[in-house]
């Protein structure tokens, strides 16, 4: 992905997350996931079961609060916000 494509994808994800709770996850296609990791938009953060401290562990996160997952069924540059 080019820097312009990464910037536009971040704008699109941020727009889709507006008004959503912090615990809503995001599934990313391979190209977006890899580019966001490289750009520092996806980092490892601690999450627990249902937003609690129970069984906390480090997982990929977008924006430090949204669980992020790579979804091979999505197209390379696509994403899907949970609940949408």
PDB file of N, CA and C in Angstrom:
ATOM      1  N   UNK A   1       0.851  -1.177   0.000  1.00  0.00           N
ATOM      2  CA  UNK A   1       0.000   0.000   0.000  1.00  0.00           C
ATOM      3  C   UNK A   1       0.893   1.235   0.000  1.00  0.00           C
ATOM      4  N   UNK A   2       0.461   2.235  -0.720  1.00  0.00           N
ATOM      5  CA  UNK A   2       1.192   3.498  -0.739  1.00  0.00           C
ATOM      6  C   UNK A   2       0.864   4.293   0.530  1.00  0.00           C
ATOM      7  N   UNK A   3       1.706   5.272   0.872  1.00  0.00           N
ATOM      8  CA  UNK A   3       1.378   6.110   2.038  1.00  0.00           C
ATOM      9  C   UNK A   3       0.003   6.778   1.922  1.00  0.00           C
ATOM     10  N   UNK A   4      -0.371   7.185   0.723  1.00  0.00           N
ATOM     11  CA  UNK A   4      -1.685   7.810   0.529  1.00  0.00           C
ATOM     12  C   UNK A   4      -2.813   6.809   0.771  1.00  0.00           C
ATOM     13  N   UNK A   5      -2.622   5.557   0.339  1.00  0.00           N
ATOM     14  CA  UNK A   5      -3.637   4.523   0.560  1.00  0.00           C
ATOM     15  C   UNK A   5      -3.767   4.192   2.049  1.00  0.00           C
ATOM     16  N   UNK A   6      -2.638   4.163   2.744  1.00  0.00           N
ATOM     17  CA  UNK A   6      -2.662   3.898   4.189  1.00  0.00           C
ATOM     18  C   UNK A   6      -3.396   5.020   4.915  1.00  0.00           C
ATOM     19  N   UNK A   7      -3.093   6.262   4.543  1.00  0.00           N
ATOM     20  CA  UNK A   7      -3.761   7.416   5.157  1.00  0.00           C
ATOM     21  C   UNK A   7      -5.264   7.360   4.914  1.00  0.00           C
ATOM     22  N   UNK A   8      -5.666   7.060   3.673  1.00  0.00           N
ATOM     23  CA  UNK A   8      -7.095   6.993   3.353  1.00  0.00           C
ATOM     24  C   UNK A   8      -7.767   5.844   4.088  1.00  0.00           C
ATOM     25  N   UNK A   9      -7.096   4.704   4.180  1.00  0.00           N
ATOM     26  CA  UNK A   9      -7.664   3.564   4.906  1.00  0.00           C
ATOM     27  C   UNK A   9      -7.854   3.912   6.380  1.00  0.00           C
ATOM     28  N   UNK A  10      -6.897   4.616   6.974  1.00  0.00           N
ATOM     29  CA  UNK A  10      -7.029   5.026   8.381  1.00  0.00           C
ATOM     30  C   UNK A  10      -8.214   5.966   8.556  1.00  0.00           C
ATOM     31  N   UNK A  11      -8.387   6.902   7.650  1.00  0.00           N
ATOM     32  CA  UNK A  11      -9.535   7.816   7.687  1.00  0.00           C
ATOM     33  C   UNK A  11     -10.838   7.016   7.599  1.00  0.00           C
ATOM     34  N   UNK A  12     -10.874   6.041   6.694  1.00  0.00           N
ATOM     35  CA  UNK A  12     -12.079   5.221   6.523  1.00  0.00           C
ATOM     36  C   UNK A  12     -12.397   4.411   7.790  1.00  0.00           C
ATOM     37  N   UNK A  13     -11.367   3.815   8.404  1.00  0.00           N
ATOM     38  CA  UNK A  13     -11.589   3.037   9.620  1.00  0.00           C
ATOM     39  C   UNK A  13     -12.043   3.955  10.753  1.00  0.00           C
ATOM     40  N   UNK A  14     -11.363   5.094  10.914  1.00  0.00           N
ATOM     41  CA  UNK A  14     -11.744   6.037  11.976  1.00  0.00           C
ATOM     42  C   UNK A  14     -13.182   6.516  11.795  1.00  0.00           C
ATOM     43  N   UNK A  15     -13.577   6.769  10.557  1.00  0.00           N
ATOM     44  CA  UNK A  15     -14.946   7.206  10.272  1.00  0.00           C
ATOM     45  C   UNK A  15     -15.942   6.106  10.638  1.00  0.00           C
ATOM     46  N   UNK A  16     -15.618   4.865  10.284  1.00  0.00           N
ATOM     47  CA  UNK A  16     -16.511   3.742  10.596  1.00  0.00           C
ATOM     48  C   UNK A  16     -16.624   3.511  12.105  1.00  0.00           C
ATOM     49  N   UNK A  17     -15.598   3.890  12.854  1.00  0.00           N
ATOM     50  CA  UNK A  17     -15.606   3.688  14.309  1.00  0.00           C
ATOM     51  C   UNK A  17     -16.267   4.831  15.078  1.00  0.00           C
ATOM     52  N   UNK A  18     -16.564   5.932  14.408  1.00  0.00           N
ATOM     53  CA  UNK A  18     -17.199   7.051  15.101  1.00  0.00           C
ATOM     54  C   UNK A  18     -18.532   6.601  15.696  1.00  0.00           C
ATOM     55  N   UNK A  19     -18.728   6.924  16.963  1.00  0.00           N
ATOM     56  CA  UNK A  19     -19.966   6.567  17.646  1.00  0.00           C
ATOM     57  C   UNK A  19     -20.007   5.136  18.159  1.00  0.00           C
ATOM     58  N   UNK A  20     -18.949   4.364  17.925  1.00  0.00           N
ATOM     59  CA  UNK A  20     -18.898   2.983  18.414  1.00  0.00           C
ATOM     60  C   UNK A  20     -18.218   2.944  19.775  1.00  0.00           C
ATOM     61  N   UNK A  21     -18.533   1.936  20.562  1.00  0.00           N
ATOM     62  CA  UNK A  21     -17.869   1.734  21.850  1.00  0.00           C
ATOM     63  C   UNK A  21     -16.421   1.338  21.638  1.00  0.00           C
ATOM     64  N   UNK A  22     -15.587   1.602  22.636  1.00  0.00           N
ATOM     65  CA  UNK A  22     -14.172   1.264  22.546  1.00  0.00           C
ATOM     66  C   UNK A  22     -13.933  -0.232  22.432  1.00  0.00           C
ATOM     67  N   UNK A  23     -14.877  -1.050  22.908  1.00  0.00           N
ATOM     68  CA  UNK A  23     -14.660  -2.495  22.878  1.00  0.00           C
ATOM     69  C   UNK A  23     -15.116  -3.152  21.576  1.00  0.00           C
ATOM     70  N   UNK A  24     -15.461  -2.373  20.568  1.00  0.00           N
ATOM     71  CA  UNK A  24     -15.830  -2.916  19.268  1.00  0.00           C
ATOM     72  C   UNK A  24     -14.549  -3.275  18.513  1.00  0.00           C
ATOM     73  N   UNK A  25     -14.512  -4.481  17.976  1.00  0.00           N
ATOM     74  CA  UNK A  25     -13.339  -4.936  17.244  1.00  0.00           C
ATOM     75  C   UNK A  25     -13.400  -4.587  15.769  1.00  0.00           C
ATOM     76  N   UNK A  26     -12.239  -4.722  15.111  1.00  0.00           N
ATOM     77  CA  UNK A  26     -12.137  -4.458  13.682  1.00  0.00           C
ATOM     78  C   UNK A  26     -11.400  -5.617  13.026  1.00  0.00           C
ATOM     79  N   UNK A  27     -11.988  -6.160  11.962  1.00  0.00           N
ATOM     80  CA  UNK A  27     -11.331  -7.191  11.156  1.00  0.00           C
ATOM     81  C   UNK A  27     -10.719  -6.503   9.942  1.00  0.00           C
ATOM     82  N   UNK A  28      -9.492  -6.872   9.628  1.00  0.00           N
ATOM     83  CA  UNK A  28      -8.768  -6.254   8.521  1.00  0.00           C
ATOM     84  C   UNK A  28      -8.346  -7.299   7.506  1.00  0.00           C
ATOM     85  N   UNK A  29      -8.400  -6.922   6.226  1.00  0.00           N
ATOM     86  CA  UNK A  29      -7.814  -7.736   5.173  1.00  0.00           C
ATOM     87  C   UNK A  29      -6.297  -7.704   5.311  1.00  0.00           C
ATOM     88  N   UNK A  30      -5.635  -8.620   4.652  1.00  0.00           N
ATOM     89  CA  UNK A  30      -4.188  -8.801   4.819  1.00  0.00           C
ATOM     90  C   UNK A  30      -3.366  -7.544   4.541  1.00  0.00           C
ATOM     91  N   UNK A  31      -3.628  -6.870   3.426  1.00  0.00           N
ATOM     92  CA  UNK A  31      -2.823  -5.699   3.062  1.00  0.00           C
ATOM     93  C   UNK A  31      -2.963  -4.574   4.082  1.00  0.00           C
ATOM     94  N   UNK A  32      -4.190  -4.302   4.501  1.00  0.00           N
ATOM     95  CA  UNK A  32      -4.416  -3.231   5.474  1.00  0.00           C
ATOM     96  C   UNK A  32      -3.801  -3.609   6.822  1.00  0.00           C
ATOM     97  N   UNK A  33      -3.988  -4.845   7.260  1.00  0.00           N
ATOM     98  CA  UNK A  33      -3.441  -5.275   8.541  1.00  0.00           C
ATOM     99  C   UNK A  33      -1.924  -5.101   8.571  1.00  0.00           C
ATOM    100  N   UNK A  34      -1.245  -5.604   7.556  1.00  0.00           N
ATOM    101  CA  UNK A  34       0.223  -5.512   7.506  1.00  0.00           C
ATOM    102  C   UNK A  34       0.684  -4.064   7.437  1.00  0.00           C
ATOM    103  N   UNK A  35       0.011  -3.246   6.627  1.00  0.00           N
ATOM    104  CA  UNK A  35       0.390  -1.835   6.496  1.00  0.00           C
ATOM    105  C   UNK A  35       0.158  -1.074   7.794  1.00  0.00           C
ATOM    106  N   UNK A  36      -0.944  -1.364   8.488  1.00  0.00           N
ATOM    107  CA  UNK A  36      -1.234  -0.682   9.749  1.00  0.00           C
ATOM    108  C   UNK A  36      -0.259  -1.105  10.845  1.00  0.00           C
ATOM    109  N   UNK A  37       0.165  -2.356  10.854  1.00  0.00           N
ATOM    110  CA  UNK A  37       1.180  -2.798  11.818  1.00  0.00           C
ATOM    111  C   UNK A  37       2.475  -2.036  11.553  1.00  0.00           C
ATOM    112  N   UNK A  38       2.893  -1.986  10.292  1.00  0.00           N
ATOM    113  CA  UNK A  38       4.144  -1.299   9.920  1.00  0.00           C
ATOM    114  C   UNK A  38       4.093   0.188  10.260  1.00  0.00           C
ATOM    115  N   UNK A  39       2.907   0.795  10.115  1.00  0.00           N
ATOM    116  CA  UNK A  39       2.754   2.238  10.376  1.00  0.00           C
ATOM    117  C   UNK A  39       2.517   2.537  11.858  1.00  0.00           C
ATOM    118  N   UNK A  40       2.356   1.509  12.671  1.00  0.00           N
ATOM    119  CA  UNK A  40       2.133   1.714  14.104  1.00  0.00           C
ATOM    120  C   UNK A  40       0.689   1.964  14.481  1.00  0.00           C
ATOM    121  N   UNK A  41      -0.248   1.759  13.551  1.00  0.00           N
ATOM    122  CA  UNK A  41      -1.672   1.946  13.854  1.00  0.00           C
ATOM    123  C   UNK A  41      -2.258   0.742  14.592  1.00  0.00           C
ATOM    124  N   UNK A  42      -1.621  -0.423  14.417  1.00  0.00           N
ATOM    125  CA  UNK A  42      -2.009  -1.618  15.162  1.00  0.00           C
ATOM    126  C   UNK A  42      -0.836  -1.961  16.071  1.00  0.00           C
ATOM    127  N   UNK A  43      -1.137  -2.028  17.368  1.00  0.00           N
ATOM    128  CA  UNK A  43      -0.121  -2.315  18.381  1.00  0.00           C
ATOM    129  C   UNK A  43      -0.622  -3.443  19.273  1.00  0.00           C
ATOM    130  N   UNK A  44       0.248  -3.956  20.114  1.00  0.00           N
ATOM    131  CA  UNK A  44      -0.157  -4.981  21.091  1.00  0.00           C
ATOM    132  C   UNK A  44      -0.622  -4.269  22.357  1.00  0.00           C
ATOM    133  N   UNK A  45      -1.836  -4.588  22.801  1.00  0.00           N
ATOM    134  CA  UNK A  45      -2.408  -3.997  24.011  1.00  0.00           C
ATOM    135  C   UNK A  45      -3.035  -5.102  24.840  1.00  0.00           C
ATOM    136  N   UNK A  46      -3.257  -4.833  26.103  1.00  0.00           N
ATOM    137  CA  UNK A  46      -3.854  -5.828  27.002  1.00  0.00           C
ATOM    138  C   UNK A  46      -5.378  -5.715  26.980  1.00  0.00           C
ATOM    139  N   UNK A  47      -6.014  -6.860  26.802  1.00  0.00           N
ATOM    140  CA  UNK A  47      -7.464  -6.973  26.831  1.00  0.00           C
ATOM    141  C   UNK A  47      -7.837  -8.113  27.761  1.00  0.00           C
ATOM    142  N   UNK A  48      -9.004  -7.985  28.406  1.00  0.00           N
ATOM    143  CA  UNK A  48      -9.542  -9.055  29.232  1.00  0.00           C
ATOM    144  C   UNK A  48     -10.899  -9.469  28.703  1.00  0.00           C
ATOM    145  N   UNK A  49     -11.447 -10.512  29.293  1.00  0.00           N
ATOM    146  CA  UNK A  49     -12.753 -11.024  28.870  1.00  0.00           C
ATOM    147  C   UNK A  49     -13.822  -9.963  29.091  1.00  0.00           C
ATOM    148  N   UNK A  50     -14.568  -9.660  28.048  1.00  0.00           N
ATOM    149  CA  UNK A  50     -15.670  -8.692  28.059  1.00  0.00           C
ATOM    150  C   UNK A  50     -15.284  -7.360  28.697  1.00  0.00           C
ATOM    151  N   UNK A  51     -14.063  -6.898  28.410  1.00  0.00           N
ATOM    152  CA  UNK A  51     -13.634  -5.589  28.894  1.00  0.00           C
ATOM    153  C   UNK A  51     -13.234  -5.545  30.357  1.00  0.00           C
ATOM    154  N   UNK A  52     -13.125  -6.707  30.998  1.00  0.00           N
ATOM    155  CA  UNK A  52     -12.724  -6.752  32.406  1.00  0.00           C
ATOM    156  C   UNK A  52     -11.232  -7.080  32.498  1.00  0.00           C
ATOM    157  N   UNK A  53     -10.728  -7.188  33.698  1.00  0.00           N
ATOM    158  CA  UNK A  53      -9.331  -7.583  33.905  1.00  0.00           C
ATOM    159  C   UNK A  53      -9.178  -9.099  33.988  1.00  0.00           C
ATOM    160  N   UNK A  54     -10.265  -9.832  33.825  1.00  0.00           N
ATOM    161  CA  UNK A  54     -10.242 -11.286  33.896  1.00  0.00           C
ATOM    162  C   UNK A  54      -9.495 -11.868  32.695  1.00  0.00           C
ATOM    163  N   UNK A  55      -8.498 -12.688  32.986  1.00  0.00           N
ATOM    164  CA  UNK A  55      -7.704 -13.379  31.953  1.00  0.00           C
ATOM    165  C   UNK A  55      -7.099 -12.406  30.935  1.00  0.00           C
ATOM    166  N   UNK A  56      -6.521 -11.338  31.410  1.00  0.00           N
ATOM    167  CA  UNK A  56      -5.928 -10.346  30.516  1.00  0.00           C
ATOM    168  C   UNK A  56      -4.713 -10.926  29.795  1.00  0.00           C
ATOM    169  N   UNK A  57      -4.572 -10.532  28.540  1.00  0.00           N
ATOM    170  CA  UNK A  57      -3.420 -10.912  27.732  1.00  0.00           C
ATOM    171  C   UNK A  57      -3.237  -9.861  26.651  1.00  0.00           C
ATOM    172  N   UNK A  58      -2.103  -9.893  25.975  1.00  0.00           N
ATOM    173  CA  UNK A  58      -1.812  -8.921  24.919  1.00  0.00           C
ATOM    174  C   UNK A  58      -2.336  -9.420  23.574  1.00  0.00           C
ATOM    175  N   UNK A  59      -3.034  -8.524  22.883  1.00  0.00           N
ATOM    176  CA  UNK A  59      -3.602  -8.829  21.575  1.00  0.00           C
ATOM    177  C   UNK A  59      -3.407  -7.629  20.661  1.00  0.00           C
ATOM    178  N   UNK A  60      -3.504  -7.837  19.340  1.00  0.00           N
ATOM    179  CA  UNK A  60      -3.424  -6.696  18.429  1.00  0.00           C
ATOM    180  C   UNK A  60      -4.599  -5.740  18.671  1.00  0.00           C
ATOM    181  N   UNK A  61      -4.295  -4.442  18.638  1.00  0.00           N
ATOM    182  CA  UNK A  61      -5.326  -3.426  18.861  1.00  0.00           C
ATOM    183  C   UNK A  61      -5.152  -2.281  17.877  1.00  0.00           C
ATOM    184  N   UNK A  62      -6.266  -1.784  17.385  1.00  0.00           N
ATOM    185  CA  UNK A  62      -6.269  -0.582  16.541  1.00  0.00           C
ATOM    186  C   UNK A  62      -6.611   0.596  17.440  1.00  0.00           C
ATOM    187  N   UNK A  63      -5.825   1.641  17.386  1.00  0.00           N
ATOM    188  CA  UNK A  63      -6.090   2.814  18.203  1.00  0.00           C
ATOM    189  C   UNK A  63      -5.991   2.537  19.693  1.00  0.00           C
ATOM    190  N   UNK A  64      -5.287   1.494  20.060  1.00  0.00           N
ATOM    191  CA  UNK A  64      -5.035   1.085  21.444  1.00  0.00           C
ATOM    192  C   UNK A  64      -6.274   0.593  22.193  1.00  0.00           C
ATOM    193  N   UNK A  65      -7.471   0.704  21.609  1.00  0.00           N
ATOM    194  CA  UNK A  65      -8.678   0.300  22.333  1.00  0.00           C
ATOM    195  C   UNK A  65      -9.546  -0.707  21.578  1.00  0.00           C
ATOM    196  N   UNK A  66      -9.384  -0.813  20.277  1.00  0.00           N
ATOM    197  CA  UNK A  66     -10.231  -1.699  19.474  1.00  0.00           C
ATOM    198  C   UNK A  66      -9.458  -2.966  19.112  1.00  0.00           C
ATOM    199  N   UNK A  67      -9.986  -4.120  19.533  1.00  0.00           N
ATOM    200  CA  UNK A  67      -9.373  -5.396  19.187  1.00  0.00           C
ATOM    201  C   UNK A  67      -9.251  -5.480  17.669  1.00  0.00           C
ATOM    202  N   UNK A  68      -8.087  -5.858  17.178  1.00  0.00           N
ATOM    203  CA  UNK A  68      -7.838  -5.949  15.736  1.00  0.00           C
ATOM    204  C   UNK A  68      -7.511  -7.389  15.369  1.00  0.00           C
ATOM    205  N   UNK A  69      -8.099  -7.850  14.278  1.00  0.00           N
ATOM    206  CA  UNK A  69      -7.862  -9.220  13.836  1.00  0.00           C
ATOM    207  C   UNK A  69      -7.648  -9.227  12.325  1.00  0.00           C
ATOM    208  N   UNK A  70      -6.757 -10.101  11.884  1.00  0.00           N
ATOM    209  CA  UNK A  70      -6.544 -10.335  10.461  1.00  0.00           C
ATOM    210  C   UNK A  70      -7.591 -11.338  10.003  1.00  0.00           C
ATOM    211  N   UNK A  71      -8.323 -11.003   8.952  1.00  0.00           N
ATOM    212  CA  UNK A  71      -9.361 -11.882   8.423  1.00  0.00           C
ATOM    213  C   UNK A  71      -9.039 -12.195   6.961  1.00  0.00           C
ATOM    214  N   UNK A  72      -8.599 -13.417   6.710  1.00  0.00           N
ATOM    215  CA  UNK A  72      -8.195 -13.801   5.364  1.00  0.00           C
ATOM    216  C   UNK A  72      -9.358 -13.847   4.378  1.00  0.00           C
ATOM    217  N   UNK A  73     -10.586 -13.838   4.866  1.00  0.00           N
ATOM    218  CA  UNK A  73     -11.738 -13.856   3.970  1.00  0.00           C
ATOM    219  C   UNK A  73     -12.066 -12.478   3.413  1.00  0.00           C
ATOM    220  N   UNK A  74     -11.581 -11.435   4.074  1.00  0.00           N
ATOM    221  CA  UNK A  74     -11.769 -10.083   3.545  1.00  0.00           C
ATOM    222  C   UNK A  74     -10.751  -9.848   2.439  1.00  0.00           C
ATOM    223  N   UNK A  75     -11.091  -8.983   1.520  1.00  0.00           N
ATOM    224  CA  UNK A  75     -10.124  -8.607   0.493  1.00  0.00           C
ATOM    225  C   UNK A  75      -8.943  -7.905   1.128  1.00  0.00           C
ATOM    226  N   UNK A  76      -7.830  -7.876   0.446  1.00  0.00           N
ATOM    227  CA  UNK A  76      -6.590  -7.342   0.979  1.00  0.00           C
ATOM    228  C   UNK A  76      -6.660  -5.950   1.568  1.00  0.00           C
ATOM    229  N   UNK A  77      -7.489  -5.073   0.990  1.00  0.00           N
ATOM    230  CA  UNK A  77      -7.563  -3.689   1.460  1.00  0.00           C
ATOM    231  C   UNK A  77      -8.890  -3.374   2.149  1.00  0.00           C
ATOM    232  N   UNK A  78      -9.661  -4.389   2.505  1.00  0.00           N
ATOM    233  CA  UNK A  78     -10.963  -4.179   3.139  1.00  0.00           C
ATOM    234  C   UNK A  78     -10.867  -4.329   4.648  1.00  0.00           C
ATOM    235  N   UNK A  79     -11.880  -3.816   5.326  1.00  0.00           N
ATOM    236  CA  UNK A  79     -11.994  -3.971   6.775  1.00  0.00           C
ATOM    237  C   UNK A  79     -13.464  -4.058   7.130  1.00  0.00           C
ATOM    238  N   UNK A  80     -13.742  -4.547   8.344  1.00  0.00           N
ATOM    239  CA  UNK A  80     -15.117  -4.616   8.816  1.00  0.00           C
ATOM    240  C   UNK A  80     -15.129  -4.325  10.305  1.00  0.00           C
ATOM    241  N   UNK A  81     -15.943  -3.359  10.694  1.00  0.00           N
ATOM    242  CA  UNK A  81     -16.098  -3.006  12.099  1.00  0.00           C
ATOM    243  C   UNK A  81     -17.154  -3.917  12.710  1.00  0.00           C
ATOM    244  N   UNK A  82     -16.894  -4.429  13.907  1.00  0.00           N
ATOM    245  CA  UNK A  82     -17.830  -5.315  14.583  1.00  0.00           C
ATOM    246  C   UNK A  82     -19.209  -4.700  14.707  1.00  0.00           C
ATOM    247  N   UNK A  83     -20.220  -5.521  14.519  1.00  0.00           N
ATOM    248  CA  UNK A  83     -21.595  -5.056  14.627  1.00  0.00           C
ATOM    249  C   UNK A  83     -22.111  -4.375  13.374  1.00  0.00           C
ATOM    250  N   UNK A  84     -21.279  -4.311  12.326  1.00  0.00           N
ATOM    251  CA  UNK A  84     -21.752  -3.665  11.084  1.00  0.00           C
ATOM    252  C   UNK A  84     -21.881  -4.663   9.961  1.00  0.00           C
TER     253      UNK A  84
END
